[in-house]
Protein backbone atom coordinates (compact mmCIF):
# COMPACT_ATOMS: atom_id res chain seq x y z
CA UNK A 1 -17.80 -19.30 -5.36
CA UNK A 2 -15.66 -18.93 -8.47
CA UNK A 3 -12.27 -20.44 -9.16
CA UNK A 4 -9.58 -17.75 -8.27
CA UNK A 5 -6.91 -17.46 -11.15
CA UNK A 6 -3.33 -16.24 -10.21
CA UNK A 7 -1.67 -15.04 -13.48
CA UNK A 8 1.61 -16.48 -13.48
CA UNK A 9 3.67 -14.75 -16.46
CA UNK A 10 5.44 -11.88 -14.83
CA UNK A 11 8.26 -14.12 -13.57
CA UNK A 12 12.16 -13.29 -14.15
CA UNK A 13 12.38 -17.06 -15.01
CA UNK A 14 10.72 -16.66 -18.13
CA UNK A 15 13.17 -15.15 -20.64
CA UNK A 16 11.18 -12.35 -22.17
CA UNK A 17 10.28 -10.86 -18.49
CA UNK A 18 13.90 -11.36 -17.51
CA UNK A 19 14.98 -9.27 -20.64
CA UNK A 20 12.36 -6.67 -19.94
CA UNK A 21 13.36 -6.45 -16.39
CA UNK A 22 17.08 -6.08 -17.42
CA UNK A 23 16.48 -3.10 -19.31
CA UNK A 24 13.47 -1.66 -17.46
CA UNK A 25 10.95 -2.02 -20.16
CA UNK A 26 8.09 -0.88 -18.14
CA UNK A 27 5.62 -0.79 -21.21
CA UNK A 28 6.27 -4.72 -21.88
CA UNK A 29 5.61 -5.62 -18.12
CA UNK A 30 2.49 -3.52 -18.25
CA UNK A 31 1.31 -5.17 -21.66
CA UNK A 32 1.68 -8.54 -19.89
CA UNK A 33 -0.06 -7.54 -16.69
CA UNK A 34 -3.03 -5.95 -18.72
CA UNK A 35 -3.21 -8.96 -20.97
CA UNK A 36 -3.63 -11.18 -17.60
CA UNK A 37 -6.14 -8.90 -16.20
CA UNK A 38 -8.33 -8.67 -19.24
CA UNK A 39 -8.09 -12.47 -19.81
CA UNK A 40 -9.75 -13.35 -16.51
CA UNK A 41 -6.79 -13.39 -13.80
CA UNK A 42 -8.09 -12.29 -10.13
CA UNK A 43 -4.35 -11.79 -9.15
CA UNK A 44 -1.19 -10.69 -10.89
CA UNK A 45 1.85 -12.93 -9.65
CA UNK A 46 5.08 -10.81 -9.23
CA UNK A 47 8.19 -12.81 -9.09
CA UNK A 48 11.79 -11.88 -9.47
CA UNK A 49 13.44 -14.40 -7.45
CA UNK A 50 16.22 -15.22 -9.85
CA UNK A 51 17.56 -11.70 -9.27
CA UNK A 52 19.27 -12.75 -6.13
CA UNK A 53 21.62 -9.93 -6.36
CA UNK A 54 19.15 -6.92 -6.62
CA UNK A 55 15.67 -8.95 -5.92
CA UNK A 56 14.38 -6.18 -3.14
CA UNK A 57 15.14 -3.45 -5.56
CA UNK A 58 13.56 -5.13 -8.75
CA UNK A 59 10.46 -6.26 -6.58
CA UNK A 60 9.85 -2.65 -6.00
CA UNK A 61 10.21 -1.57 -9.75
CA UNK A 62 7.90 -4.45 -10.73
CA UNK A 63 5.32 -3.74 -7.99
CA UNK A 64 5.16 -0.04 -8.97
CA UNK A 65 5.16 -0.85 -12.76
CA UNK A 66 2.26 -3.18 -12.62
CA UNK A 67 0.08 -1.00 -10.38
CA UNK A 68 0.44 1.97 -12.73
CA UNK A 69 -1.93 0.27 -15.07
CA UNK A 70 -3.60 -2.60 -13.24
CA UNK A 71 -6.13 -0.81 -10.87
CA UNK A 72 -8.80 -3.44 -10.64
CA UNK A 73 -7.18 -6.56 -9.26
CA UNK A 74 -4.42 -7.05 -6.42
CA UNK A 75 -0.97 -8.71 -6.76
CA UNK A 76 0.52 -11.92 -5.36
CA UNK A 77 3.97 -11.18 -4.19
CA UNK A 78 6.05 -14.32 -4.78
CA UNK A 79 9.61 -14.66 -3.63
CA UNK A 80 11.75 -17.30 -1.35
CA UNK A 81 13.04 -13.97 0.26
CA UNK A 82 11.01 -12.60 2.96
CA UNK A 83 12.75 -9.49 2.85
CA UNK A 84 11.61 -9.16 -1.07
CA UNK A 85 7.92 -9.84 0.05
CA UNK A 86 8.09 -7.14 2.50
CA UNK A 87 9.28 -4.76 -0.08
CA UNK A 88 6.43 -5.74 -2.10
CA UNK A 89 3.52 -5.71 0.48
CA UNK A 90 4.91 -2.21 1.62
CA UNK A 91 4.20 -0.82 -2.05
CA UNK A 92 1.04 -2.74 -2.51
CA UNK A 93 -2.26 -0.65 -3.23
CA UNK A 94 -5.10 -2.51 -4.67
CA UNK A 95 -7.16 -4.71 -2.58
CA UNK A 96 -5.91 -7.62 -0.28
CA UNK A 97 -2.63 -8.84 -1.37
CA UNK A 98 -1.47 -12.20 -1.62
CA UNK A 99 1.81 -13.92 -0.34
CA UNK A 100 3.45 -16.80 -2.16
CA UNK A 101 4.46 -18.37 0.07
CA UNK A 102 4.86 -20.13 3.82
CA UNK A 103 5.65 -23.49 4.34
CA UNK A 104 5.87 -25.62 7.76
CA UNK A 105 9.69 -25.19 7.70
CA UNK A 106 10.72 -23.60 10.87
CA UNK A 107 12.84 -20.81 9.49
CA UNK A 108 10.40 -19.85 6.71
CA UNK A 109 7.54 -19.86 8.97
CA UNK A 110 9.00 -17.52 11.44
CA UNK A 111 9.95 -15.12 8.57
CA UNK A 112 6.80 -15.06 6.73
CA UNK A 113 4.17 -15.21 9.60
CA UNK A 114 4.69 -11.54 10.77
CA UNK A 115 4.22 -10.13 7.28
CA UNK A 116 1.01 -12.14 6.64
CA UNK A 117 -0.34 -10.86 10.16
CA UNK A 118 1.02 -7.14 9.61
CA UNK A 119 -0.46 -6.59 6.12
CA UNK A 120 -3.49 -8.83 6.47
CA UNK A 121 -2.84 -11.07 3.10
CA UNK A 122 -3.87 -14.01 1.70
CA UNK A 123 -1.21 -16.67 1.64
CA UNK A 124 -0.25 -19.66 -0.35
CA UNK A 125 0.85 -22.54 2.16
CA UNK A 126 2.97 -24.96 0.39
CA UNK A 127 2.82 -28.57 2.15
CA UNK A 128 6.47 -28.56 2.60
CA UNK A 129 8.36 -29.28 5.87
CA UNK A 130 11.95 -29.45 7.30
CA UNK A 131 11.81 -32.82 6.08
CA UNK A 132 11.64 -31.84 2.58
CA UNK A 133 9.03 -32.67 -0.29
CA UNK A 134 6.40 -34.86 0.63
CA UNK A 135 6.52 -38.02 -1.10
CA UNK A 136 2.96 -39.49 -0.66
CA UNK A 137 -0.59 -38.39 0.14
CA UNK A 138 0.02 -39.34 3.85
CA UNK A 139 3.32 -37.35 3.87
CA UNK A 140 1.12 -34.17 2.62
CA UNK A 141 -1.36 -34.83 5.42
CA UNK A 142 1.03 -34.76 8.05
CA UNK A 143 2.20 -31.50 6.81
CA UNK A 144 -1.48 -30.21 6.86
CA UNK A 145 -1.74 -31.03 10.12
CA UNK A 146 1.34 -29.32 11.13
CA UNK A 147 1.02 -26.18 9.04
CA UNK A 148 -2.56 -25.35 9.11
CA UNK A 149 -3.39 -25.56 12.80
CA UNK A 150 -0.27 -23.03 13.47
CA UNK A 151 -1.73 -20.63 10.95
CA UNK A 152 -5.29 -20.67 12.44
CA UNK A 153 -3.90 -20.57 15.99
CA UNK A 154 -1.98 -17.23 14.93
CA UNK A 155 -5.12 -15.87 13.67
CA UNK A 156 -5.03 -16.17 10.04
CA UNK A 157 -8.72 -16.46 8.69
CA UNK A 158 -9.29 -20.04 6.87
CA UNK A 159 -10.60 -18.20 4.03
CA UNK A 160 -7.11 -16.56 3.61
CA UNK A 161 -5.18 -19.64 3.28
CA UNK A 162 -4.55 -21.38 0.16
CA UNK A 163 -2.77 -24.90 0.61
CA UNK A 164 -0.83 -26.10 -2.32
CA UNK A 165 -0.31 -30.00 -2.23
CA UNK A 166 2.92 -29.61 -4.25
CA UNK A 167 2.23 -31.50 -7.67
CA UNK A 168 5.13 -33.77 -8.69
CA UNK A 169 5.61 -35.05 -12.20
CA UNK A 170 3.90 -38.05 -13.24
CA UNK A 171 6.84 -38.93 -15.61
CA UNK A 172 8.62 -39.80 -12.36
CA UNK A 173 6.25 -41.47 -10.45
CA UNK A 174 2.75 -42.63 -12.41
CA UNK A 175 0.82 -41.97 -8.64
CA UNK A 176 1.81 -38.58 -8.42
CA UNK A 177 -1.53 -37.17 -9.57
CA UNK A 178 -3.33 -39.68 -7.55
CA UNK A 179 -1.59 -38.58 -4.36
CA UNK A 180 -2.53 -35.07 -5.13
CA UNK A 181 -6.29 -35.66 -5.46
CA UNK A 182 -6.30 -37.84 -2.28
CA UNK A 183 -4.53 -34.88 -0.60
CA UNK A 184 -7.49 -32.43 -1.79
CA UNK A 185 -10.21 -35.07 -0.85
CA UNK A 186 -8.70 -35.00 2.86
CA UNK A 187 -8.43 -31.06 3.02
CA UNK A 188 -11.79 -30.52 1.53
CA UNK A 189 -13.47 -32.83 4.07
CA UNK A 190 -11.92 -31.75 7.31
CA UNK A 191 -11.35 -28.15 6.51
CA UNK A 192 -14.07 -27.04 4.11
CA UNK A 193 -13.23 -23.30 4.62
CA UNK A 194 -9.57 -23.23 3.58
CA UNK A 195 -8.73 -22.83 -0.03
CA UNK A 196 -6.48 -25.03 -2.29
CA UNK A 197 -4.27 -23.76 -5.12
CA UNK A 198 -1.81 -25.14 -7.31
CA UNK A 199 0.72 -24.60 -10.34
CA UNK A 200 -0.34 -27.36 -12.83
CA UNK A 201 2.57 -27.47 -15.06
CA UNK A 202 4.75 -29.64 -12.61
CA UNK A 203 2.50 -32.73 -13.44
CA UNK A 204 3.41 -32.83 -16.99
CA UNK A 205 7.07 -31.99 -16.83
CA UNK A 206 9.29 -34.15 -19.08
CA UNK A 207 6.36 -35.62 -21.09
CA UNK A 208 5.44 -34.58 -24.59
CA UNK A 209 1.75 -32.71 -25.23
CA UNK A 210 2.07 -30.93 -21.87
CA UNK A 211 -0.76 -28.53 -22.22
CA UNK A 212 -3.19 -31.70 -22.61
CA UNK A 213 -1.93 -33.05 -19.35
CA UNK A 214 -2.38 -29.92 -17.55
CA UNK A 215 -5.78 -29.23 -18.90
CA UNK A 216 -7.01 -32.51 -18.16
CA UNK A 217 -5.59 -32.27 -14.37
CA UNK A 218 -7.45 -28.84 -14.12
CA UNK A 219 -10.74 -30.66 -14.49
CA UNK A 220 -9.50 -33.55 -12.26
CA UNK A 221 -8.44 -31.34 -9.50
CA UNK A 222 -11.58 -29.11 -9.66
CA UNK A 223 -14.06 -32.27 -9.44
CA UNK A 224 -12.08 -32.95 -5.87
CA UNK A 225 -12.42 -29.60 -4.60
CA UNK A 226 -9.32 -27.44 -5.78
CA UNK A 227 -10.62 -24.05 -6.23
CA UNK A 228 -7.58 -21.74 -7.26
CA UNK A 229 -4.76 -22.01 -9.70
CA UNK A 230 -1.54 -20.38 -10.69
CA UNK A 231 -1.57 -20.66 -14.52
CA UNK A 232 -1.46 -18.82 -17.68
CA UNK A 233 -4.93 -16.93 -18.15
CA UNK A 234 -3.90 -16.19 -21.87
CA UNK A 235 -4.25 -20.12 -22.54
CA UNK A 236 -7.68 -19.69 -23.79
CA UNK A 237 -8.58 -23.37 -23.90
CA UNK A 238 -7.58 -23.58 -20.14
CA UNK A 239 -9.90 -20.64 -19.17
CA UNK A 240 -12.81 -22.10 -21.16
CA UNK A 241 -12.38 -25.54 -19.30
CA UNK A 242 -12.42 -23.75 -15.88
CA UNK A 243 -15.62 -21.74 -16.76
CA UNK A 244 -17.17 -24.56 -18.07
CA UNK A 245 -16.45 -26.91 -15.05
CA UNK A 246 -17.56 -24.44 -12.78
CA UNK A 247 -20.85 -24.22 -14.41
CA UNK A 248 -21.19 -28.22 -14.25
CA UNK A 249 -19.82 -28.49 -10.55
CA UNK A 250 -22.52 -25.98 -9.15
CA UNK A 251 -19.89 -23.10 -8.68
CA UNK A 252 -21.54 -20.72 -10.93
CA UNK A 253 -25.05 -19.80 -9.83
CA UNK A 254 -27.35 -19.68 -12.36
CA UNK A 255 -24.30 -20.01 -14.93
CA UNK A 256 -23.99 -16.27 -14.78
CA UNK A 257 -20.15 -16.36 -15.11
CA UNK A 258 -20.31 -18.87 -17.99
CA UNK A 259 -22.76 -16.66 -19.80
CA UNK A 260 -20.98 -13.57 -19.44
CA UNK A 261 -17.66 -15.17 -20.87
CA UNK A 262 -19.73 -16.35 -23.56
CA UNK A 263 -21.00 -13.05 -24.45
CA UNK A 264 -17.45 -11.76 -24.33
CA UNK A 265 -16.59 -14.31 -27.04
CA UNK A 266 -14.23 -16.17 -25.22
CA UNK A 267 -15.54 -19.65 -26.50
CA UNK A 268 -15.31 -18.52 -30.20
CA UNK A 269 -12.66 -19.96 -32.34
């Protein structure tokens, strides 16, 4: 089983994407999408959540724009607004879409669950409840035992669920990384068919040399069972570490993917 990569770059919180969306620069958006696909992304994340005044319209434009050129991989429809998610799913064409995200919060769960079921999507499930962000591994595990059974009982296949343990900055709590690793271990042992996903950059927030912390934490989390990441696939060093770790952890039978990437020249300086 290979690690699943969601390319994170098409997000209006990024200055270049924000500007391209404002002037409807389709060629730039398509360039970024194609670069991520070529770099090895399995999904392209589409997020225009900063445009609260016209998010549904913008989501439609972004999804259509990306799908004009990206035809081999599906999209991750990413929004805090369930109406924008629905717009994106209605327009989705390529394979099984992913939704980012659902939580254990009552309102959010009730808004997003029908979309997951109707469109038969994969789903990122954040370990967040009506009590807010979890502070410890124990708090995260409580949310797992609340959220996951509800998804399974509603017919969502375990293999379509991607639990996100919500990484916090180690700059604000030096055990934050350890709490995530403990949560991953629990999920892996009790629910082996469920996937785990995260965005790594929160771990290093507020510290210098962030890319090194992010890359190191990739290897840490993979060793504990994390099998999916939302990241920048154009970060060549991170991608090389992921392919190398896959091979070393027995996730790449006969090292086929490692050798394939080698032949493509990804490991060359």
